[in-house]
C-alpha cells in the first residue's frame, strides 16, 4: 500500500511539473508542504491531547494526552515532509521532461 501511494504522489508531482509552464519554485513547494504538515500535525496533536485527557484520569489523562499529542504532532509533520519531498521529486521529473519535449 505504501509503495503504491509513493508512486501516486510522485506521479501527481510529475503531472504538476509537466503541465505548469516554466520551472517551479521547489523551495516554495517544500515550505508550503512543511507548513501544512505542521498545522495539521498541531491540530491532530491538540485533539489527541484533549481526547487523551478526557479518557484517562486527571493526572494520567493529562500526561498521556500530552505524550500522545506531542508524539502524533511529530510523526505527522515527519510524514508530510516525506510526502512533500516525494512530490518535489515528481515535479523535478516533470520539469525535466517538459524542458526536453518543449524545446
C-alpha atoms as a PDB file:
ATOM      1  CA  UNK A   1       0.000   0.000   0.000  1.00  0.00           C
ATOM      2  CA  UNK A   2       2.775   2.429   0.904  1.00  0.00           C
ATOM      3  CA  UNK A   3       4.646   1.789  -2.342  1.00  0.00           C
ATOM      4  CA  UNK A   4       1.588   2.453  -4.482  1.00  0.00           C
ATOM      5  CA  UNK A   5       0.935   5.656  -2.520  1.00  0.00           C
ATOM      6  CA  UNK A   6       4.519   6.781  -3.139  1.00  0.00           C
ATOM      7  CA  UNK A   7       4.151   6.098  -6.854  1.00  0.00           C
ATOM      8  CA  UNK A   8       0.865   8.027  -6.896  1.00  0.00           C
ATOM      9  CA  UNK A   9       2.415  11.030  -5.130  1.00  0.00           C
ATOM     10  CA  UNK A  10       5.410  11.085  -7.481  1.00  0.00           C
ATOM     11  CA  UNK A  11       3.055  10.739 -10.477  1.00  0.00           C
ATOM     12  CA  UNK A  12       0.932  13.664  -9.272  1.00  0.00           C
ATOM     13  CA  UNK A  13       4.094  15.721  -8.805  1.00  0.00           C
ATOM     14  CA  UNK A  14       5.200  14.719 -12.295  1.00  0.00           C
ATOM     15  CA  UNK A  15       1.899  15.914 -13.766  1.00  0.00           C
ATOM     16  CA  UNK A  16       2.120  19.141 -11.773  1.00  0.00           C
ATOM     17  CA  UNK A  17       5.643  19.836 -13.018  1.00  0.00           C
ATOM     18  CA  UNK A  18       4.905  18.877 -16.609  1.00  0.00           C
ATOM     19  CA  UNK A  19       1.669  20.778 -17.175  1.00  0.00           C
ATOM     20  CA  UNK A  20       2.636  24.017 -15.420  1.00  0.00           C
ATOM     21  CA  UNK A  21       4.651  26.237 -17.733  1.00  0.00           C
ATOM     22  CA  UNK A  22       8.183  27.086 -16.661  1.00  0.00           C
ATOM     23  CA  UNK A  23      10.354  25.824 -13.837  1.00  0.00           C
ATOM     24  CA  UNK A  24       8.684  25.509 -10.459  1.00  0.00           C
ATOM     25  CA  UNK A  25       9.985  27.045  -7.247  1.00  0.00           C
ATOM     26  CA  UNK A  26      10.921  23.874  -5.347  1.00  0.00           C
ATOM     27  CA  UNK A  27      11.767  25.671  -2.118  1.00  0.00           C
ATOM     28  CA  UNK A  28       8.318  27.294  -2.100  1.00  0.00           C
ATOM     29  CA  UNK A  29       6.653  23.901  -2.581  1.00  0.00           C
ATOM     30  CA  UNK A  30       8.742  22.457   0.261  1.00  0.00           C
ATOM     31  CA  UNK A  31       7.926  25.401   2.518  1.00  0.00           C
ATOM     32  CA  UNK A  32       4.179  25.121   1.856  1.00  0.00           C
ATOM     33  CA  UNK A  33       4.237  21.350   2.422  1.00  0.00           C
ATOM     34  CA  UNK A  34       6.053  21.686   5.726  1.00  0.00           C
ATOM     35  CA  UNK A  35       3.730  24.482   6.860  1.00  0.00           C
ATOM     36  CA  UNK A  36       0.654  22.412   6.039  1.00  0.00           C
ATOM     37  CA  UNK A  37       2.215  19.415   7.799  1.00  0.00           C
ATOM     38  CA  UNK A  38       2.958  21.461  10.908  1.00  0.00           C
ATOM     39  CA  UNK A  39      -0.538  22.966  11.072  1.00  0.00           C
ATOM     40  CA  UNK A  40      -2.270  19.615  10.544  1.00  0.00           C
ATOM     41  CA  UNK A  41       0.106  17.896  12.960  1.00  0.00           C
ATOM     42  CA  UNK A  42      -0.560  20.545  15.597  1.00  0.00           C
ATOM     43  CA  UNK A  43      -4.330  20.206  15.137  1.00  0.00           C
ATOM     44  CA  UNK A  44      -4.167  16.420  15.432  1.00  0.00           C
ATOM     45  CA  UNK A  45      -1.845  16.751  18.421  1.00  0.00           C
ATOM     46  CA  UNK A  46      -4.278  19.067  20.212  1.00  0.00           C
ATOM     47  CA  UNK A  47      -7.146  16.673  19.525  1.00  0.00           C
ATOM     48  CA  UNK A  48      -5.070  13.755  20.826  1.00  0.00           C
ATOM     49  CA  UNK A  49      -4.220  15.774  23.943  1.00  0.00           C
ATOM     50  CA  UNK A  50      -7.876  16.610  24.595  1.00  0.00           C
ATOM     51  CA  UNK A  51      -9.202  13.103  23.940  1.00  0.00           C
ATOM     52  CA  UNK A  52      -6.329  11.519  25.857  1.00  0.00           C
ATOM     53  CA  UNK A  53      -7.090  13.767  28.823  1.00  0.00           C
ATOM     54  CA  UNK A  54     -10.804  13.003  28.687  1.00  0.00           C
ATOM     55  CA  UNK A  55     -10.452   9.235  28.540  1.00  0.00           C
ATOM     56  CA  UNK A  56      -7.987   8.859  31.414  1.00  0.00           C
ATOM     57  CA  UNK A  57      -7.999  10.132  34.963  1.00  0.00           C
ATOM     58  CA  UNK A  58      -6.877  13.658  35.857  1.00  0.00           C
ATOM     59  CA  UNK A  59      -3.117  13.116  36.234  1.00  0.00           C
ATOM     60  CA  UNK A  60      -2.628  10.124  33.977  1.00  0.00           C
ATOM     61  CA  UNK A  61      -5.004  11.552  31.372  1.00  0.00           C
ATOM     62  CA  UNK A  62      -3.124  14.837  31.130  1.00  0.00           C
ATOM     63  CA  UNK A  63       0.258  13.103  30.952  1.00  0.00           C
ATOM     64  CA  UNK A  64      -0.995  10.505  28.469  1.00  0.00           C
ATOM     65  CA  UNK A  65      -2.726  13.169  26.411  1.00  0.00           C
ATOM     66  CA  UNK A  66       0.437  15.266  26.339  1.00  0.00           C
ATOM     67  CA  UNK A  67       2.566  12.330  25.222  1.00  0.00           C
ATOM     68  CA  UNK A  68       0.030  11.255  22.589  1.00  0.00           C
ATOM     69  CA  UNK A  69      -0.449  14.817  21.366  1.00  0.00           C
ATOM     70  CA  UNK A  70       3.248  15.593  21.094  1.00  0.00           C
ATOM     71  CA  UNK A  71       4.042  12.227  19.529  1.00  0.00           C
ATOM     72  CA  UNK A  72       1.323  12.461  16.927  1.00  0.00           C
ATOM     73  CA  UNK A  73       2.374  16.017  16.028  1.00  0.00           C
ATOM     74  CA  UNK A  74       5.980  14.991  15.426  1.00  0.00           C
ATOM     75  CA  UNK A  75       5.027  11.872  13.472  1.00  0.00           C
ATOM     76  CA  UNK A  76       2.534  13.743  11.287  1.00  0.00           C
ATOM     77  CA  UNK A  77       4.999  16.542  10.463  1.00  0.00           C
ATOM     78  CA  UNK A  78       7.668  13.995   9.508  1.00  0.00           C
ATOM     79  CA  UNK A  79       5.148  12.065   7.391  1.00  0.00           C
ATOM     80  CA  UNK A  80       4.070  15.160   5.479  1.00  0.00           C
ATOM     81  CA  UNK A  81       7.715  16.192   4.995  1.00  0.00           C
ATOM     82  CA  UNK A  82       8.373  12.828   3.342  1.00  0.00           C
ATOM     83  CA  UNK A  83       5.267  13.174   1.154  1.00  0.00           C
ATOM     84  CA  UNK A  84       6.348  16.706   0.175  1.00  0.00           C
ATOM     85  CA  UNK A  85       9.814  15.523  -0.835  1.00  0.00           C
ATOM     86  CA  UNK A  86       8.276  12.725  -2.915  1.00  0.00           C
ATOM     87  CA  UNK A  87       6.038  15.292  -4.624  1.00  0.00           C
ATOM     88  CA  UNK A  88       9.044  17.535  -5.348  1.00  0.00           C
ATOM     89  CA  UNK A  89      10.864  14.577  -6.938  1.00  0.00           C
ATOM     90  CA  UNK A  90       7.899  14.151  -9.257  1.00  0.00           C
ATOM     91  CA  UNK A  91       7.884  17.884 -10.042  1.00  0.00           C
ATOM     92  CA  UNK A  92      11.596  17.731 -10.881  1.00  0.00           C
ATOM     93  CA  UNK A  93      10.979  14.848 -13.279  1.00  0.00           C
ATOM     94  CA  UNK A  94       8.024  16.645 -14.858  1.00  0.00           C
ATOM     95  CA  UNK A  95      10.039  19.862 -15.310  1.00  0.00           C
ATOM     96  CA  UNK A  96      12.898  17.895 -16.829  1.00  0.00           C
ATOM     97  CA  UNK A  97      10.625  16.180 -19.349  1.00  0.00           C
ATOM     98  CA  UNK A  98       8.889  19.479 -20.124  1.00  0.00           C
ATOM     99  CA  UNK A  99      12.242  21.101 -20.963  1.00  0.00           C
ATOM    100  CA  UNK A 100      13.161  18.205 -23.247  1.00  0.00           C
ATOM    101  CA  UNK A 101       9.858  17.988 -25.124  1.00  0.00           C
ATOM    102  CA  UNK A 102       9.104  21.697 -25.481  1.00  0.00           C
ATOM    103  CA  UNK A 103      12.414  22.831 -26.966  1.00  0.00           C
END
